C-alpha cells in the first residue's frame, strides 16, 4: 500500500468526517473507495471516447461494405 499526503478543501473534509462517522467507516477506507469509484467512471469515459474515435475511423469502410452488399442483393 502506498502512503499519500492529501489536501482537501475544508468543506469536503467536513462532509467526509460526517459521513464516515455515520457509516462507522475509517476515513482512509472511505477515500480509497471514493477514488476507486472515480477511477472506474474515468475508465468508462476514456473507453467511450476511444470507441467513438474508432467508430468514426471505420464508418466509411462500413458504409462501403453495406453498399457492396446492396449491389449483390439487388443483382439477384
PDB file of N, CA and C in Angstrom:
ATOM      1  N   UNK A   1       0.840  -1.171   0.000  1.00  0.00           N
ATOM      2  CA  UNK A   1       0.000   0.000   0.000  1.00  0.00           C
ATOM      3  C   UNK A   1       0.889   1.239   0.000  1.00  0.00           C
ATOM      4  N   UNK A   2       0.474   2.255  -0.705  1.00  0.00           N
ATOM      5  CA  UNK A   2       1.231   3.499  -0.814  1.00  0.00           C
ATOM      6  C   UNK A   2       0.699   4.536   0.171  1.00  0.00           C
ATOM      7  N   UNK A   3       1.603   5.363   0.653  1.00  0.00           N
ATOM      8  CA  UNK A   3       1.225   6.471   1.519  1.00  0.00           C
ATOM      9  C   UNK A   3       1.062   7.715   0.665  1.00  0.00           C
ATOM     10  N   UNK A   4       0.033   8.506   0.974  1.00  0.00           N
ATOM     11  CA  UNK A   4      -0.287   9.665   0.173  1.00  0.00           C
ATOM     12  C   UNK A   4      -0.625  10.829   1.094  1.00  0.00           C
ATOM     13  N   UNK A   5      -0.042  11.966   0.806  1.00  0.00           N
ATOM     14  CA  UNK A   5      -0.416  13.190   1.507  1.00  0.00           C
ATOM     15  C   UNK A   5      -1.483  13.863   0.661  1.00  0.00           C
ATOM     16  N   UNK A   6      -2.563  14.270   1.310  1.00  0.00           N
ATOM     17  CA  UNK A   6      -3.703  14.779   0.574  1.00  0.00           C
ATOM     18  C   UNK A   6      -4.219  16.049   1.226  1.00  0.00           C
ATOM     19  N   UNK A   7      -4.424  17.074   0.418  1.00  0.00           N
ATOM     20  CA  UNK A   7      -5.028  18.307   0.904  1.00  0.00           C
ATOM     21  C   UNK A   7      -6.452  18.370   0.375  1.00  0.00           C
ATOM     22  N   UNK A   8      -7.405  18.495   1.283  1.00  0.00           N
ATOM     23  CA  UNK A   8      -8.806  18.596   0.904  1.00  0.00           C
ATOM     24  C   UNK A   8      -9.328  19.979   1.248  1.00  0.00           C
ATOM     25  N   UNK A   9     -10.249  20.470   0.432  1.00  0.00           N
ATOM     26  CA  UNK A   9     -10.947  21.696   0.800  1.00  0.00           C
ATOM     27  C   UNK A   9     -11.667  21.445   2.120  1.00  0.00           C
ATOM     28  N   UNK A  10     -11.808  22.489   2.913  1.00  0.00           N
ATOM     29  CA  UNK A  10     -12.402  22.345   4.245  1.00  0.00           C
ATOM     30  C   UNK A  10     -13.790  21.713   4.196  1.00  0.00           C
ATOM     31  N   UNK A  11     -14.631  22.168   3.272  1.00  0.00           N
ATOM     32  CA  UNK A  11     -15.996  21.634   3.228  1.00  0.00           C
ATOM     33  C   UNK A  11     -16.016  20.158   2.818  1.00  0.00           C
ATOM     34  N   UNK A  12     -15.085  19.751   1.969  1.00  0.00           N
ATOM     35  CA  UNK A  12     -15.006  18.341   1.577  1.00  0.00           C
ATOM     36  C   UNK A  12     -14.560  17.498   2.763  1.00  0.00           C
ATOM     37  N   UNK A  13     -13.589  17.993   3.494  1.00  0.00           N
ATOM     38  CA  UNK A  13     -13.116  17.280   4.680  1.00  0.00           C
ATOM     39  C   UNK A  13     -14.238  17.156   5.706  1.00  0.00           C
ATOM     40  N   UNK A  14     -14.961  18.255   5.948  1.00  0.00           N
ATOM     41  CA  UNK A  14     -16.050  18.228   6.934  1.00  0.00           C
ATOM     42  C   UNK A  14     -17.134  17.240   6.529  1.00  0.00           C
ATOM     43  N   UNK A  15     -17.516  17.248   5.256  1.00  0.00           N
ATOM     44  CA  UNK A  15     -18.505  16.288   4.767  1.00  0.00           C
ATOM     45  C   UNK A  15     -18.004  14.856   4.936  1.00  0.00           C
ATOM     46  N   UNK A  16     -16.744  14.642   4.612  1.00  0.00           N
ATOM     47  CA  UNK A  16     -16.150  13.314   4.735  1.00  0.00           C
ATOM     48  C   UNK A  16     -16.173  12.834   6.174  1.00  0.00           C
ATOM     49  N   UNK A  17     -15.815  13.702   7.087  1.00  0.00           N
ATOM     50  CA  UNK A  17     -15.816  13.340   8.506  1.00  0.00           C
ATOM     51  C   UNK A  17     -17.227  12.983   8.987  1.00  0.00           C
ATOM     52  N   UNK A  18     -18.204  13.747   8.554  1.00  0.00           N
ATOM     53  CA  UNK A  18     -19.591  13.494   8.953  1.00  0.00           C
ATOM     54  C   UNK A  18     -20.082  12.153   8.408  1.00  0.00           C
ATOM     55  N   UNK A  19     -19.802  11.910   7.148  1.00  0.00           N
ATOM     56  CA  UNK A  19     -20.268  10.678   6.504  1.00  0.00           C
ATOM     57  C   UNK A  19     -19.565   9.452   7.074  1.00  0.00           C
ATOM     58  N   UNK A  20     -18.254   9.524   7.241  1.00  0.00           N
ATOM     59  CA  UNK A  20     -17.528   8.363   7.768  1.00  0.00           C
ATOM     60  C   UNK A  20     -17.951   8.050   9.197  1.00  0.00           C
ATOM     61  N   UNK A  21     -18.302   9.076   9.966  1.00  0.00           N
ATOM     62  CA  UNK A  21     -18.784   8.839  11.332  1.00  0.00           C
ATOM     63  C   UNK A  21     -20.124   8.115  11.299  1.00  0.00           C
ATOM     64  N   UNK A  22     -21.012   8.551  10.412  1.00  0.00           N
ATOM     65  CA  UNK A  22     -22.323   7.905  10.310  1.00  0.00           C
ATOM     66  C   UNK A  22     -22.221   6.485   9.790  1.00  0.00           C
ATOM     67  N   UNK A  23     -21.299   6.265   8.873  1.00  0.00           N
ATOM     68  CA  UNK A  23     -21.109   4.921   8.307  1.00  0.00           C
ATOM     69  C   UNK A  23     -20.237   4.034   9.189  1.00  0.00           C
ATOM     70  N   UNK A  24     -19.616   4.639  10.184  1.00  0.00           N
ATOM     71  CA  UNK A  24     -18.646   3.933  11.034  1.00  0.00           C
ATOM     72  C   UNK A  24     -17.580   3.261  10.161  1.00  0.00           C
ATOM     73  N   UNK A  25     -17.026   4.102   9.293  1.00  0.00           N
ATOM     74  CA  UNK A  25     -16.041   3.648   8.330  1.00  0.00           C
ATOM     75  C   UNK A  25     -14.788   4.500   8.485  1.00  0.00           C
ATOM     76  N   UNK A  26     -13.648   3.873   8.407  1.00  0.00           N
ATOM     77  CA  UNK A  26     -12.395   4.618   8.515  1.00  0.00           C
ATOM     78  C   UNK A  26     -12.268   5.594   7.342  1.00  0.00           C
ATOM     79  N   UNK A  27     -11.768   6.775   7.634  1.00  0.00           N
ATOM     80  CA  UNK A  27     -11.599   7.792   6.599  1.00  0.00           C
ATOM     81  C   UNK A  27     -10.761   7.256   5.441  1.00  0.00           C
ATOM     82  N   UNK A  28      -9.692   6.554   5.753  1.00  0.00           N
ATOM     83  CA  UNK A  28      -8.819   6.001   4.729  1.00  0.00           C
ATOM     84  C   UNK A  28      -9.577   5.047   3.808  1.00  0.00           C
ATOM     85  N   UNK A  29     -10.402   4.165   4.388  1.00  0.00           N
ATOM     86  CA  UNK A  29     -11.181   3.211   3.592  1.00  0.00           C
ATOM     87  C   UNK A  29     -12.177   3.967   2.711  1.00  0.00           C
ATOM     88  N   UNK A  30     -12.823   4.975   3.268  1.00  0.00           N
ATOM     89  CA  UNK A  30     -13.799   5.769   2.532  1.00  0.00           C
ATOM     90  C   UNK A  30     -13.156   6.454   1.332  1.00  0.00           C
ATOM     91  N   UNK A  31     -12.010   7.065   1.542  1.00  0.00           N
ATOM     92  CA  UNK A  31     -11.318   7.769   0.455  1.00  0.00           C
ATOM     93  C   UNK A  31     -10.819   6.773  -0.589  1.00  0.00           C
ATOM     94  N   UNK A  32     -10.323   5.607  -0.149  1.00  0.00           N
ATOM     95  CA  UNK A  32      -9.909   4.572  -1.102  1.00  0.00           C
ATOM     96  C   UNK A  32     -11.082   4.143  -1.985  1.00  0.00           C
ATOM     97  N   UNK A  33     -12.233   3.920  -1.374  1.00  0.00           N
ATOM     98  CA  UNK A  33     -13.412   3.513  -2.147  1.00  0.00           C
ATOM     99  C   UNK A  33     -13.863   4.621  -3.094  1.00  0.00           C
ATOM    100  N   UNK A  34     -13.778   5.872  -2.643  1.00  0.00           N
ATOM    101  CA  UNK A  34     -14.183   7.002  -3.484  1.00  0.00           C
ATOM    102  C   UNK A  34     -13.262   7.136  -4.697  1.00  0.00           C
ATOM    103  N   UNK A  35     -11.970   7.023  -4.476  1.00  0.00           N
ATOM    104  CA  UNK A  35     -11.010   7.136  -5.591  1.00  0.00           C
ATOM    105  C   UNK A  35     -11.193   5.966  -6.550  1.00  0.00           C
ATOM    106  N   UNK A  36     -11.410   4.778  -6.005  1.00  0.00           N
ATOM    107  CA  UNK A  36     -11.636   3.615  -6.866  1.00  0.00           C
ATOM    108  C   UNK A  36     -12.873   3.814  -7.736  1.00  0.00           C
ATOM    109  N   UNK A  37     -13.950   4.314  -7.150  1.00  0.00           N
ATOM    110  CA  UNK A  37     -15.169   4.550  -7.917  1.00  0.00           C
ATOM    111  C   UNK A  37     -14.928   5.611  -8.996  1.00  0.00           C
ATOM    112  N   UNK A  38     -14.224   6.660  -8.643  1.00  0.00           N
ATOM    113  CA  UNK A  38     -13.928   7.713  -9.613  1.00  0.00           C
ATOM    114  C   UNK A  38     -13.050   7.179 -10.747  1.00  0.00           C
ATOM    115  N   UNK A  39     -12.095   6.319 -10.416  1.00  0.00           N
ATOM    116  CA  UNK A  39     -11.259   5.695 -11.452  1.00  0.00           C
ATOM    117  C   UNK A  39     -12.114   4.881 -12.426  1.00  0.00           C
ATOM    118  N   UNK A  40     -13.086   4.147 -11.903  1.00  0.00           N
ATOM    119  CA  UNK A  40     -13.959   3.355 -12.771  1.00  0.00           C
ATOM    120  C   UNK A  40     -14.756   4.257 -13.707  1.00  0.00           C
ATOM    121  N   UNK A  41     -15.261   5.361 -13.188  1.00  0.00           N
ATOM    122  CA  UNK A  41     -16.002   6.317 -14.016  1.00  0.00           C
ATOM    123  C   UNK A  41     -15.106   6.865 -15.122  1.00  0.00           C
ATOM    124  N   UNK A  42     -13.894   7.248 -14.766  1.00  0.00           N
ATOM    125  CA  UNK A  42     -12.974   7.821 -15.751  1.00  0.00           C
ATOM    126  C   UNK A  42     -12.563   6.798 -16.798  1.00  0.00           C
ATOM    127  N   UNK A  43     -12.361   5.546 -16.389  1.00  0.00           N
ATOM    128  CA  UNK A  43     -12.019   4.496 -17.356  1.00  0.00           C
ATOM    129  C   UNK A  43     -13.148   4.316 -18.365  1.00  0.00           C
ATOM    130  N   UNK A  44     -14.405   4.367 -17.898  1.00  0.00           N
ATOM    131  CA  UNK A  44     -15.543   4.238 -18.808  1.00  0.00           C
ATOM    132  C   UNK A  44     -15.601   5.426 -19.767  1.00  0.00           C
ATOM    133  N   UNK A  45     -15.327   6.619 -19.268  1.00  0.00           N
ATOM    134  CA  UNK A  45     -15.320   7.802 -20.138  1.00  0.00           C
ATOM    135  C   UNK A  45     -14.236   7.694 -21.199  1.00  0.00           C
ATOM    136  N   UNK A  46     -13.057   7.240 -20.794  1.00  0.00           N
ATOM    137  CA  UNK A  46     -11.964   7.083 -21.751  1.00  0.00           C
ATOM    138  C   UNK A  46     -12.295   6.019 -22.799  1.00  0.00           C
ATOM    139  N   UNK A  47     -12.905   4.924 -22.355  1.00  0.00           N
ATOM    140  CA  UNK A  47     -13.296   3.865 -23.285  1.00  0.00           C
ATOM    141  C   UNK A  47     -14.346   4.374 -24.266  1.00  0.00           C
ATOM    142  N   UNK A  48     -15.320   5.123 -23.764  1.00  0.00           N
ATOM    143  CA  UNK A  48     -16.356   5.688 -24.626  1.00  0.00           C
ATOM    144  C   UNK A  48     -15.734   6.594 -25.684  1.00  0.00           C
ATOM    145  N   UNK A  49     -14.789   7.414 -25.265  1.00  0.00           N
ATOM    146  CA  UNK A  49     -14.106   8.317 -26.196  1.00  0.00           C
ATOM    147  C   UNK A  49     -13.322   7.527 -27.254  1.00  0.00           C
ATOM    148  N   UNK A  50     -12.624   6.482 -26.812  1.00  0.00           N
ATOM    149  CA  UNK A  50     -11.845   5.663 -27.750  1.00  0.00           C
ATOM    150  C   UNK A  50     -12.763   4.937 -28.733  1.00  0.00           C
ATOM    151  N   UNK A  51     -13.889   4.416 -28.237  1.00  0.00           N
ATOM    152  CA  UNK A  51     -14.822   3.717 -29.129  1.00  0.00           C
ATOM    153  C   UNK A  51     -15.442   4.668 -30.142  1.00  0.00           C
ATOM    154  N   UNK A  52     -15.753   5.877 -29.713  1.00  0.00           N
ATOM    155  CA  UNK A  52     -16.314   6.865 -30.641  1.00  0.00           C
ATOM    156  C   UNK A  52     -15.295   7.197 -31.731  1.00  0.00           C
ATOM    157  N   UNK A  53     -14.043   7.342 -31.347  1.00  0.00           N
ATOM    158  CA  UNK A  53     -12.986   7.636 -32.321  1.00  0.00           C
ATOM    159  C   UNK A  53     -12.839   6.486 -33.313  1.00  0.00           C
ATOM    160  N   UNK A  54     -12.800   5.261 -32.809  1.00  0.00           N
ATOM    161  CA  UNK A  54     -12.671   4.092 -33.678  1.00  0.00           C
ATOM    162  C   UNK A  54     -13.876   3.951 -34.594  1.00  0.00           C
ATOM    163  N   UNK A  55     -15.050   4.260 -34.059  1.00  0.00           N
ATOM    164  CA  UNK A  55     -16.264   4.181 -34.866  1.00  0.00           C
ATOM    165  C   UNK A  55     -16.201   5.154 -36.039  1.00  0.00           C
ATOM    166  N   UNK A  56     -15.712   6.361 -35.798  1.00  0.00           N
ATOM    167  CA  UNK A  56     -15.573   7.332 -36.879  1.00  0.00           C
ATOM    168  C   UNK A  56     -14.583   6.862 -37.933  1.00  0.00           C
ATOM    169  N   UNK A  57     -13.511   6.209 -37.471  1.00  0.00           N
ATOM    170  CA  UNK A  57     -12.491   5.736 -38.404  1.00  0.00           C
ATOM    171  C   UNK A  57     -13.002   4.605 -39.298  1.00  0.00           C
ATOM    172  N   UNK A  58     -13.920   3.803 -38.787  1.00  0.00           N
ATOM    173  CA  UNK A  58     -14.403   2.659 -39.565  1.00  0.00           C
ATOM    174  C   UNK A  58     -15.732   2.917 -40.251  1.00  0.00           C
ATOM    175  N   UNK A  59     -16.347   4.058 -39.993  1.00  0.00           N
ATOM    176  CA  UNK A  59     -17.683   4.337 -40.546  1.00  0.00           C
ATOM    177  C   UNK A  59     -17.704   4.285 -42.064  1.00  0.00           C
ATOM    178  N   UNK A  60     -16.748   4.904 -42.719  1.00  0.00           N
ATOM    179  CA  UNK A  60     -16.763   4.918 -44.188  1.00  0.00           C
ATOM    180  C   UNK A  60     -16.556   3.517 -44.752  1.00  0.00           C
ATOM    181  N   UNK A  61     -15.682   2.728 -44.134  1.00  0.00           N
ATOM    182  CA  UNK A  61     -15.478   1.349 -44.595  1.00  0.00           C
ATOM    183  C   UNK A  61     -16.753   0.531 -44.426  1.00  0.00           C
ATOM    184  N   UNK A  62     -17.439   0.728 -43.316  1.00  0.00           N
ATOM    185  CA  UNK A  62     -18.683   0.002 -43.071  1.00  0.00           C
ATOM    186  C   UNK A  62     -19.734   0.358 -44.102  1.00  0.00           C
ATOM    187  N   UNK A  63     -19.825   1.626 -44.443  1.00  0.00           N
ATOM    188  CA  UNK A  63     -20.798   2.062 -45.446  1.00  0.00           C
ATOM    189  C   UNK A  63     -20.469   1.464 -46.811  1.00  0.00           C
ATOM    190  N   UNK A  64     -19.205   1.379 -47.134  1.00  0.00           N
ATOM    191  CA  UNK A  64     -18.793   0.783 -48.415  1.00  0.00           C
ATOM    192  C   UNK A  64     -19.193  -0.692 -48.470  1.00  0.00           C
ATOM    193  N   UNK A  65     -18.983  -1.413 -47.378  1.00  0.00           N
ATOM    194  CA  UNK A  65     -19.369  -2.825 -47.324  1.00  0.00           C
ATOM    195  C   UNK A  65     -20.875  -2.960 -47.496  1.00  0.00           C
ATOM    196  N   UNK A  66     -21.637  -2.098 -46.847  1.00  0.00           N
ATOM    197  CA  UNK A  66     -23.096  -2.141 -46.990  1.00  0.00           C
ATOM    198  C   UNK A  66     -23.532  -1.867 -48.426  1.00  0.00           C
ATOM    199  N   UNK A  67     -22.877  -0.905 -49.076  1.00  0.00           N
ATOM    200  CA  UNK A  67     -23.204  -0.614 -50.479  1.00  0.00           C
ATOM    201  C   UNK A  67     -22.920  -1.833 -51.364  1.00  0.00           C
ATOM    202  N   UNK A  68     -21.788  -2.485 -51.123  1.00  0.00           N
ATOM    203  CA  UNK A  68     -21.448  -3.667 -51.918  1.00  0.00           C
ATOM    204  C   UNK A  68     -22.447  -4.795 -51.680  1.00  0.00           C
ATOM    205  N   UNK A  69     -22.877  -4.971 -50.440  1.00  0.00           N
ATOM    206  CA  UNK A  69     -23.881  -5.998 -50.145  1.00  0.00           C
ATOM    207  C   UNK A  69     -25.198  -5.672 -50.841  1.00  0.00           C
ATOM    208  N   UNK A  70     -25.590  -4.409 -50.827  1.00  0.00           N
ATOM    209  CA  UNK A  70     -26.813  -3.997 -51.523  1.00  0.00           C
ATOM    210  C   UNK A  70     -26.724  -4.322 -53.009  1.00  0.00           C
ATOM    211  N   UNK A  71     -25.562  -4.084 -53.616  1.00  0.00           N
ATOM    212  CA  UNK A  71     -25.380  -4.381 -55.035  1.00  0.00           C
ATOM    213  C   UNK A  71     -25.511  -5.880 -55.292  1.00  0.00           C
ATOM    214  N   UNK A  72     -24.947  -6.672 -54.405  1.00  0.00           N
ATOM    215  CA  UNK A  72     -25.056  -8.128 -54.554  1.00  0.00           C
ATOM    216  C   UNK A  72     -26.491  -8.598 -54.414  1.00  0.00           C
ATOM    217  N   UNK A  73     -27.207  -8.041 -53.463  1.00  0.00           N
ATOM    218  CA  UNK A  73     -28.601  -8.433 -53.233  1.00  0.00           C
ATOM    219  C   UNK A  73     -29.482  -7.976 -54.398  1.00  0.00           C
ATOM    220  N   UNK A  74     -29.290  -6.740 -54.824  1.00  0.00           N
ATOM    221  CA  UNK A  74     -30.085  -6.219 -55.932  1.00  0.00           C
ATOM    222  C   UNK A  74     -29.776  -6.904 -57.247  1.00  0.00           C
ATOM    223  N   UNK A  75     -28.593  -7.458 -57.365  1.00  0.00           N
ATOM    224  CA  UNK A  75     -28.195  -8.140 -58.589  1.00  0.00           C
ATOM    225  C   UNK A  75     -28.897  -9.459 -58.803  1.00  0.00           C
ATOM    226  N   UNK A  76     -29.473 -10.021 -57.734  1.00  0.00           N
ATOM    227  CA  UNK A  76     -30.179 -11.313 -57.850  1.00  0.00           C
ATOM    228  C   UNK A  76     -31.514 -11.208 -58.464  1.00  0.00           C
TER     229      UNK A  76
END
